[in-house]
C-alpha cells in the first residue's frame, strides 16, 4: 500500500512538473532551453557569440526545405502521435549490436520538446520527460504548428537557430527562396549542426544530401530537368 502510494505521488509530481505547452498554440516561445544552454557554453569558453533567430510563418518556408527536413528527421511525422515505436525498436537493436548508445529515434515532436524545455545531456529522466512533453505537444497542438515551431527553433550551427537565420547565414537568402539543392544540404546537417556545415564538402553531408534529394525526386517533390527538357 505504501509502495503504491509512493508510486502514485511520484507520478503525480512528475506530470505536474511538466510545462504548460498549450500556450504554444498561439504564442511563439522566447529563448529555448537549448539556446540558453548554448549561451552558457559560449560564456564559459569566452566566445562572443549571440543567438541568431528570425521567426517566419510556415507558408514562408520553402516546401523543398519542409520536405527535406521531414525525410531526414522524421519521415512518419504526419502519422505518429509523437513517438515512432518502430524507430525506437530499430535503434535499440542497433545500439545493442554496437554495445553503446549510438543511435537515437527521436521524432520531430520529441526534438522540439527537448529543444524548448530540456537539457541536451543524455539521461533516462530527461528522456522520460522528453517523451511526456512530446505527448503533451501532440495533444494540444496541430501537427502543422509543431512543425512550424521546430523549423523556427532547430539548431543549424554555432548560434544559428531556425531556418530563416540558417538560410540567410549560409545562402544569403530567405527560407522561402531556397532551392532543392540548398534545402537538402540544410536538412543533411541537422543530426550534428555544429560539427557539419551545409557548405562543407564532407562525405557525411554529400552522402546524406544525395539520399534526401533522391527520395524527393522519387516522390515528385522535385522535378528533374535534363538538357532543358
C-alpha atoms as a PDB file:
ATOM      1  CA  UNK A   1       0.000   0.000   0.000  1.00  0.00           C
ATOM      2  CA  UNK A   2       2.816   2.391   0.904  1.00  0.00           C
ATOM      3  CA  UNK A   3       4.725   1.497  -2.248  1.00  0.00           C
ATOM      4  CA  UNK A   4       1.617   2.082  -4.359  1.00  0.00           C
ATOM      5  CA  UNK A   5       1.125   5.451  -2.676  1.00  0.00           C
ATOM      6  CA  UNK A   6       4.726   6.445  -3.340  1.00  0.00           C
ATOM      7  CA  UNK A   7       4.406   5.447  -6.991  1.00  0.00           C
ATOM      8  CA  UNK A   8       1.187   7.455  -7.329  1.00  0.00           C
ATOM      9  CA  UNK A   9       2.739  10.513  -5.666  1.00  0.00           C
ATOM     10  CA  UNK A  10       5.876  10.274  -7.789  1.00  0.00           C
ATOM     11  CA  UNK A  11       3.793  10.008 -10.952  1.00  0.00           C
ATOM     12  CA  UNK A  12       1.650  12.964  -9.941  1.00  0.00           C
ATOM     13  CA  UNK A  13       4.716  15.102  -9.180  1.00  0.00           C
ATOM     14  CA  UNK A  14       6.275  14.089 -12.500  1.00  0.00           C
ATOM     15  CA  UNK A  15       3.232  15.094 -14.575  1.00  0.00           C
ATOM     16  CA  UNK A  16       2.608  18.276 -12.590  1.00  0.00           C
ATOM     17  CA  UNK A  17       6.233  19.327 -13.188  1.00  0.00           C
ATOM     18  CA  UNK A  18       5.759  19.319 -16.960  1.00  0.00           C
ATOM     19  CA  UNK A  19       5.486  22.695 -18.727  1.00  0.00           C
ATOM     20  CA  UNK A  20       2.175  24.072 -19.973  1.00  0.00           C
ATOM     21  CA  UNK A  21       2.541  23.600 -23.712  1.00  0.00           C
ATOM     22  CA  UNK A  22      -0.965  24.839 -24.533  1.00  0.00           C
ATOM     23  CA  UNK A  23       0.327  28.426 -24.592  1.00  0.00           C
ATOM     24  CA  UNK A  24       2.259  27.484 -27.729  1.00  0.00           C
ATOM     25  CA  UNK A  25      -0.971  27.227 -29.693  1.00  0.00           C
ATOM     26  CA  UNK A  26      -0.848  30.934 -30.444  1.00  0.00           C
ATOM     27  CA  UNK A  27       2.327  32.205 -28.773  1.00  0.00           C
ATOM     28  CA  UNK A  28       5.863  31.681 -30.013  1.00  0.00           C
ATOM     29  CA  UNK A  29       8.393  30.785 -27.310  1.00  0.00           C
ATOM     30  CA  UNK A  30      11.197  33.098 -26.272  1.00  0.00           C
ATOM     31  CA  UNK A  31      14.706  31.717 -25.840  1.00  0.00           C
ATOM     32  CA  UNK A  32      14.577  27.946 -25.670  1.00  0.00           C
ATOM     33  CA  UNK A  33      16.363  25.783 -23.126  1.00  0.00           C
ATOM     34  CA  UNK A  34      18.905  24.831 -25.792  1.00  0.00           C
ATOM     35  CA  UNK A  35      19.582  28.458 -26.694  1.00  0.00           C
ATOM     36  CA  UNK A  36      20.203  29.279 -23.034  1.00  0.00           C
ATOM     37  CA  UNK A  37      22.454  26.236 -22.695  1.00  0.00           C
ATOM     38  CA  UNK A  38      24.497  27.301 -25.711  1.00  0.00           C
ATOM     39  CA  UNK A  39      24.813  30.880 -24.401  1.00  0.00           C
ATOM     40  CA  UNK A  40      26.188  29.499 -21.140  1.00  0.00           C
ATOM     41  CA  UNK A  41      28.669  27.358 -23.080  1.00  0.00           C
ATOM     42  CA  UNK A  42      29.793  30.384 -25.103  1.00  0.00           C
ATOM     43  CA  UNK A  43      30.184  32.445 -21.936  1.00  0.00           C
ATOM     44  CA  UNK A  44      32.329  29.809 -20.222  1.00  0.00           C
ATOM     45  CA  UNK A  45      34.552  29.489 -23.299  1.00  0.00           C
ATOM     46  CA  UNK A  46      34.817  33.254 -23.687  1.00  0.00           C
ATOM     47  CA  UNK A  47      33.134  33.188 -27.110  1.00  0.00           C
ATOM     48  CA  UNK A  48      31.500  36.404 -28.250  1.00  0.00           C
ATOM     49  CA  UNK A  49      28.572  34.687 -29.925  1.00  0.00           C
ATOM     50  CA  UNK A  50      24.937  35.747 -29.818  1.00  0.00           C
ATOM     51  CA  UNK A  51      21.828  33.828 -30.793  1.00  0.00           C
ATOM     52  CA  UNK A  52      20.615  34.496 -34.335  1.00  0.00           C
ATOM     53  CA  UNK A  53      16.952  33.692 -34.931  1.00  0.00           C
ATOM     54  CA  UNK A  54      14.234  35.161 -37.160  1.00  0.00           C
ATOM     55  CA  UNK A  55      10.692  33.819 -36.881  1.00  0.00           C
ATOM     56  CA  UNK A  56       8.844  33.098 -40.113  1.00  0.00           C
ATOM     57  CA  UNK A  57       5.415  31.560 -40.749  1.00  0.00           C
ATOM     58  CA  UNK A  58       5.241  28.085 -42.240  1.00  0.00           C
ATOM     59  CA  UNK A  59       3.984  29.425 -45.564  1.00  0.00           C
ATOM     60  CA  UNK A  60       7.203  31.445 -45.917  1.00  0.00           C
ATOM     61  CA  UNK A  61       9.425  28.379 -45.723  1.00  0.00           C
ATOM     62  CA  UNK A  62      10.360  26.630 -48.948  1.00  0.00           C
ATOM     63  CA  UNK A  63       8.339  23.421 -49.447  1.00  0.00           C
ATOM     64  CA  UNK A  64      11.622  21.844 -50.550  1.00  0.00           C
ATOM     65  CA  UNK A  65      13.074  22.512 -47.116  1.00  0.00           C
ATOM     66  CA  UNK A  66       9.973  21.255 -45.316  1.00  0.00           C
ATOM     67  CA  UNK A  67      10.022  18.010 -47.280  1.00  0.00           C
ATOM     68  CA  UNK A  68      13.782  17.597 -46.925  1.00  0.00           C
ATOM     69  CA  UNK A  69      13.642  18.010 -43.138  1.00  0.00           C
ATOM     70  CA  UNK A  70      10.766  15.555 -42.790  1.00  0.00           C
ATOM     71  CA  UNK A  71      12.612  12.961 -44.887  1.00  0.00           C
ATOM     72  CA  UNK A  72      15.849  13.473 -42.969  1.00  0.00           C
ATOM     73  CA  UNK A  73      14.489  13.705 -39.438  1.00  0.00           C
ATOM     74  CA  UNK A  74      11.031  12.138 -39.171  1.00  0.00           C
ATOM     75  CA  UNK A  75       9.507  10.613 -42.285  1.00  0.00           C
ATOM     76  CA  UNK A  76       6.451   9.370 -40.366  1.00  0.00           C
ATOM     77  CA  UNK A  77       5.764  12.747 -38.749  1.00  0.00           C
ATOM     78  CA  UNK A  78       2.241  13.175 -40.132  1.00  0.00           C
ATOM     79  CA  UNK A  79       1.199   9.688 -38.987  1.00  0.00           C
ATOM     80  CA  UNK A  80       2.590   9.112 -35.488  1.00  0.00           C
ATOM     81  CA  UNK A  81       1.410  10.698 -32.247  1.00  0.00           C
ATOM     82  CA  UNK A  82       4.760  11.953 -31.031  1.00  0.00           C
ATOM     83  CA  UNK A  83       6.635   8.656 -30.732  1.00  0.00           C
ATOM     84  CA  UNK A  84       7.858   6.371 -33.518  1.00  0.00           C
ATOM     85  CA  UNK A  85       7.843   2.960 -31.834  1.00  0.00           C
ATOM     86  CA  UNK A  86       9.272   1.131 -34.855  1.00  0.00           C
ATOM     87  CA  UNK A  87      12.215   3.539 -34.991  1.00  0.00           C
ATOM     88  CA  UNK A  88      12.816   3.073 -31.250  1.00  0.00           C
ATOM     89  CA  UNK A  89      12.896  -0.714 -31.641  1.00  0.00           C
ATOM     90  CA  UNK A  90      15.321  -0.466 -34.556  1.00  0.00           C
ATOM     91  CA  UNK A  91      17.563   1.983 -32.686  1.00  0.00           C
ATOM     92  CA  UNK A  92      17.647  -0.280 -29.622  1.00  0.00           C
ATOM     93  CA  UNK A  93      18.656  -3.263 -31.744  1.00  0.00           C
ATOM     94  CA  UNK A  94      21.438  -1.263 -33.414  1.00  0.00           C
ATOM     95  CA  UNK A  95      22.650   0.076 -30.046  1.00  0.00           C
ATOM     96  CA  UNK A  96      22.788  -3.439 -28.618  1.00  0.00           C
ATOM     97  CA  UNK A  97      24.937  -4.544 -31.553  1.00  0.00           C
ATOM     98  CA  UNK A  98      27.196  -1.511 -31.097  1.00  0.00           C
ATOM     99  CA  UNK A  99      27.222  -2.060 -27.308  1.00  0.00           C
ATOM    100  CA  UNK A 100      26.770   1.676 -26.788  1.00  0.00           C
ATOM    101  CA  UNK A 101      24.233   4.459 -27.300  1.00  0.00           C
ATOM    102  CA  UNK A 102      24.988   5.217 -30.946  1.00  0.00           C
ATOM    103  CA  UNK A 103      21.545   5.709 -32.474  1.00  0.00           C
ATOM    104  CA  UNK A 104      18.564   7.719 -31.323  1.00  0.00           C
ATOM    105  CA  UNK A 105      14.987   7.542 -32.532  1.00  0.00           C
ATOM    106  CA  UNK A 106      13.600  10.932 -31.593  1.00  0.00           C
ATOM    107  CA  UNK A 107      10.732  12.276 -33.654  1.00  0.00           C
ATOM    108  CA  UNK A 108      10.481  15.938 -34.578  1.00  0.00           C
ATOM    109  CA  UNK A 109       7.987  16.309 -31.718  1.00  0.00           C
ATOM    110  CA  UNK A 110      10.488  14.859 -29.251  1.00  0.00           C
ATOM    111  CA  UNK A 111      13.270  17.058 -30.608  1.00  0.00           C
ATOM    112  CA  UNK A 112      11.041  20.092 -30.191  1.00  0.00           C
ATOM    113  CA  UNK A 113      10.267  19.085 -26.601  1.00  0.00           C
ATOM    114  CA  UNK A 114      13.978  18.752 -25.825  1.00  0.00           C
ATOM    115  CA  UNK A 115      14.960  21.997 -27.546  1.00  0.00           C
ATOM    116  CA  UNK A 116      12.228  24.023 -25.853  1.00  0.00           C
ATOM    117  CA  UNK A 117      12.410  22.729 -22.297  1.00  0.00           C
ATOM    118  CA  UNK A 118      15.230  20.276 -21.551  1.00  0.00           C
ATOM    119  CA  UNK A 119      18.981  19.858 -21.348  1.00  0.00           C
ATOM    120  CA  UNK A 120      20.892  18.260 -24.203  1.00  0.00           C
ATOM    121  CA  UNK A 121      22.634  15.953 -21.724  1.00  0.00           C
ATOM    122  CA  UNK A 122      21.507  12.338 -22.007  1.00  0.00           C
ATOM    123  CA  UNK A 123      19.799  10.648 -19.062  1.00  0.00           C
ATOM    124  CA  UNK A 124      16.855   8.320 -18.502  1.00  0.00           C
ATOM    125  CA  UNK A 125      14.907  11.003 -16.608  1.00  0.00           C
ATOM    126  CA  UNK A 126      15.444  13.544 -19.374  1.00  0.00           C
ATOM    127  CA  UNK A 127      14.268  11.020 -21.961  1.00  0.00           C
ATOM    128  CA  UNK A 128      11.149  10.278 -19.922  1.00  0.00           C
ATOM    129  CA  UNK A 129      10.362  13.981 -19.662  1.00  0.00           C
ATOM    130  CA  UNK A 130      11.027  14.393 -23.385  1.00  0.00           C
ATOM    131  CA  UNK A 131       8.529  11.643 -24.222  1.00  0.00           C
ATOM    132  CA  UNK A 132       5.925  13.009 -21.801  1.00  0.00           C
ATOM    133  CA  UNK A 133       6.235  16.548 -23.188  1.00  0.00           C
ATOM    134  CA  UNK A 134       6.036  15.164 -26.725  1.00  0.00           C
ATOM    135  CA  UNK A 135       2.709  13.536 -25.883  1.00  0.00           C
ATOM    136  CA  UNK A 136       1.523  16.862 -24.460  1.00  0.00           C
ATOM    137  CA  UNK A 137       2.584  18.731 -27.579  1.00  0.00           C
ATOM    138  CA  UNK A 138       0.701  16.289 -29.801  1.00  0.00           C
ATOM    139  CA  UNK A 139      -2.344  16.576 -27.572  1.00  0.00           C
ATOM    140  CA  UNK A 140      -2.524  20.378 -27.541  1.00  0.00           C
ATOM    141  CA  UNK A 141      -1.039  21.460 -30.874  1.00  0.00           C
ATOM    142  CA  UNK A 142      -1.795  20.765 -34.507  1.00  0.00           C
ATOM    143  CA  UNK A 143       0.860  18.897 -36.457  1.00  0.00           C
ATOM    144  CA  UNK A 144       1.477  21.934 -38.658  1.00  0.00           C
ATOM    145  CA  UNK A 145       2.098  24.058 -35.550  1.00  0.00           C
ATOM    146  CA  UNK A 146       4.593  21.540 -34.146  1.00  0.00           C
ATOM    147  CA  UNK A 147       6.454  21.567 -37.458  1.00  0.00           C
ATOM    148  CA  UNK A 148       6.333  25.372 -37.596  1.00  0.00           C
ATOM    149  CA  UNK A 149       7.832  25.647 -34.110  1.00  0.00           C
ATOM    150  CA  UNK A 150      10.512  23.072 -34.814  1.00  0.00           C
ATOM    151  CA  UNK A 151      11.701  24.732 -38.016  1.00  0.00           C
ATOM    152  CA  UNK A 152      11.974  28.053 -36.190  1.00  0.00           C
ATOM    153  CA  UNK A 153      13.931  26.807 -33.156  1.00  0.00           C
ATOM    154  CA  UNK A 154      16.077  23.980 -34.572  1.00  0.00           C
ATOM    155  CA  UNK A 155      19.831  24.500 -34.218  1.00  0.00           C
ATOM    156  CA  UNK A 156      21.690  24.973 -37.507  1.00  0.00           C
ATOM    157  CA  UNK A 157      25.177  25.912 -36.368  1.00  0.00           C
ATOM    158  CA  UNK A 158      27.002  27.935 -33.732  1.00  0.00           C
ATOM    159  CA  UNK A 159      24.429  30.455 -32.506  1.00  0.00           C
ATOM    160  CA  UNK A 160      22.172  29.869 -35.523  1.00  0.00           C
ATOM    161  CA  UNK A 161      18.605  28.839 -34.757  1.00  0.00           C
ATOM    162  CA  UNK A 162      15.676  28.459 -37.112  1.00  0.00           C
ATOM    163  CA  UNK A 163      15.548  28.031 -40.848  1.00  0.00           C
ATOM    164  CA  UNK A 164      15.357  31.744 -41.705  1.00  0.00           C
ATOM    165  CA  UNK A 165      18.549  32.582 -39.830  1.00  0.00           C
ATOM    166  CA  UNK A 166      20.197  29.500 -41.337  1.00  0.00           C
ATOM    167  CA  UNK A 167      19.124  30.397 -44.884  1.00  0.00           C
ATOM    168  CA  UNK A 168      20.452  33.932 -44.547  1.00  0.00           C
ATOM    169  CA  UNK A 169      23.689  32.796 -42.896  1.00  0.00           C
ATOM    170  CA  UNK A 170      24.581  30.029 -45.349  1.00  0.00           C
ATOM    171  CA  UNK A 171      22.912  31.078 -48.600  1.00  0.00           C
ATOM    172  CA  UNK A 172      22.233  34.824 -48.215  1.00  0.00           C
ATOM    173  CA  UNK A 173      18.545  34.386 -48.984  1.00  0.00           C
ATOM    174  CA  UNK A 174      15.192  33.938 -47.258  1.00  0.00           C
ATOM    175  CA  UNK A 175      13.890  30.494 -46.330  1.00  0.00           C
ATOM    176  CA  UNK A 176      11.105  30.929 -48.872  1.00  0.00           C
ATOM    177  CA  UNK A 177      13.649  31.132 -51.721  1.00  0.00           C
ATOM    178  CA  UNK A 178      15.691  28.004 -51.020  1.00  0.00           C
ATOM    179  CA  UNK A 179      16.352  25.737 -53.983  1.00  0.00           C
ATOM    180  CA  UNK A 180      16.017  21.934 -53.676  1.00  0.00           C
ATOM    181  CA  UNK A 181      19.812  21.606 -53.576  1.00  0.00           C
ATOM    182  CA  UNK A 182      20.141  24.155 -50.766  1.00  0.00           C
ATOM    183  CA  UNK A 183      17.233  22.630 -48.860  1.00  0.00           C
ATOM    184  CA  UNK A 184      18.693  19.123 -48.802  1.00  0.00           C
ATOM    185  CA  UNK A 185      22.063  20.424 -47.616  1.00  0.00           C
ATOM    186  CA  UNK A 186      20.417  22.251 -44.719  1.00  0.00           C
ATOM    187  CA  UNK A 187      18.443  19.126 -43.818  1.00  0.00           C
ATOM    188  CA  UNK A 188      21.515  16.917 -44.131  1.00  0.00           C
ATOM    189  CA  UNK A 189      23.372  18.590 -41.230  1.00  0.00           C
ATOM    190  CA  UNK A 190      20.555  18.505 -38.666  1.00  0.00           C
ATOM    191  CA  UNK A 191      21.871  15.455 -36.776  1.00  0.00           C
ATOM    192  CA  UNK A 192      25.086  17.371 -35.966  1.00  0.00           C
ATOM    193  CA  UNK A 193      24.722  21.036 -36.997  1.00  0.00           C
ATOM    194  CA  UNK A 194      27.741  22.232 -35.022  1.00  0.00           C
ATOM    195  CA  UNK A 195      30.009  19.577 -36.495  1.00  0.00           C
ATOM    196  CA  UNK A 196      28.958  19.936 -40.135  1.00  0.00           C
ATOM    197  CA  UNK A 197      28.067  22.905 -42.314  1.00  0.00           C
ATOM    198  CA  UNK A 198      25.676  22.829 -45.295  1.00  0.00           C
ATOM    199  CA  UNK A 199      28.516  24.394 -47.275  1.00  0.00           C
ATOM    200  CA  UNK A 200      31.241  21.879 -46.494  1.00  0.00           C
ATOM    201  CA  UNK A 201      32.096  19.071 -48.857  1.00  0.00           C
ATOM    202  CA  UNK A 202      32.425  16.315 -46.271  1.00  0.00           C
ATOM    203  CA  UNK A 203      31.364  12.816 -47.254  1.00  0.00           C
ATOM    204  CA  UNK A 204      28.752  12.904 -44.462  1.00  0.00           C
ATOM    205  CA  UNK A 205      26.966  15.960 -45.869  1.00  0.00           C
ATOM    206  CA  UNK A 206      27.347  14.921 -49.507  1.00  0.00           C
ATOM    207  CA  UNK A 207      26.011  11.419 -48.860  1.00  0.00           C
ATOM    208  CA  UNK A 208      23.023  12.488 -46.775  1.00  0.00           C
ATOM    209  CA  UNK A 209      22.136  15.331 -49.134  1.00  0.00           C
ATOM    210  CA  UNK A 210      22.228  12.950 -52.108  1.00  0.00           C
ATOM    211  CA  UNK A 211      19.967  10.431 -50.371  1.00  0.00           C
ATOM    212  CA  UNK A 212      17.426  13.078 -49.359  1.00  0.00           C
ATOM    213  CA  UNK A 213      17.447  14.589 -52.849  1.00  0.00           C
ATOM    214  CA  UNK A 214      16.911  11.178 -54.472  1.00  0.00           C
ATOM    215  CA  UNK A 215      13.894  10.498 -52.231  1.00  0.00           C
ATOM    216  CA  UNK A 216      12.455  13.912 -53.086  1.00  0.00           C
ATOM    217  CA  UNK A 217      12.872  13.112 -56.779  1.00  0.00           C
ATOM    218  CA  UNK A 218      11.120   9.758 -56.441  1.00  0.00           C
ATOM    219  CA  UNK A 219       8.214  11.360 -54.593  1.00  0.00           C
ATOM    220  CA  UNK A 220       7.796  14.090 -57.175  1.00  0.00           C
ATOM    221  CA  UNK A 221       8.788  16.878 -54.805  1.00  0.00           C
ATOM    222  CA  UNK A 222      11.479  17.925 -57.246  1.00  0.00           C
ATOM    223  CA  UNK A 223      11.128  17.734 -60.993  1.00  0.00           C
ATOM    224  CA  UNK A 224      14.303  16.558 -62.659  1.00  0.00           C
ATOM    225  CA  UNK A 225      15.296  18.611 -65.709  1.00  0.00           C
ATOM    226  CA  UNK A 226      17.803  17.323 -68.239  1.00  0.00           C
ATOM    227  CA  UNK A 227      19.079  19.321 -71.185  1.00  0.00           C
ATOM    228  CA  UNK A 228      16.372  21.933 -70.744  1.00  0.00           C
ATOM    229  CA  UNK A 229      13.532  19.398 -71.043  1.00  0.00           C
END
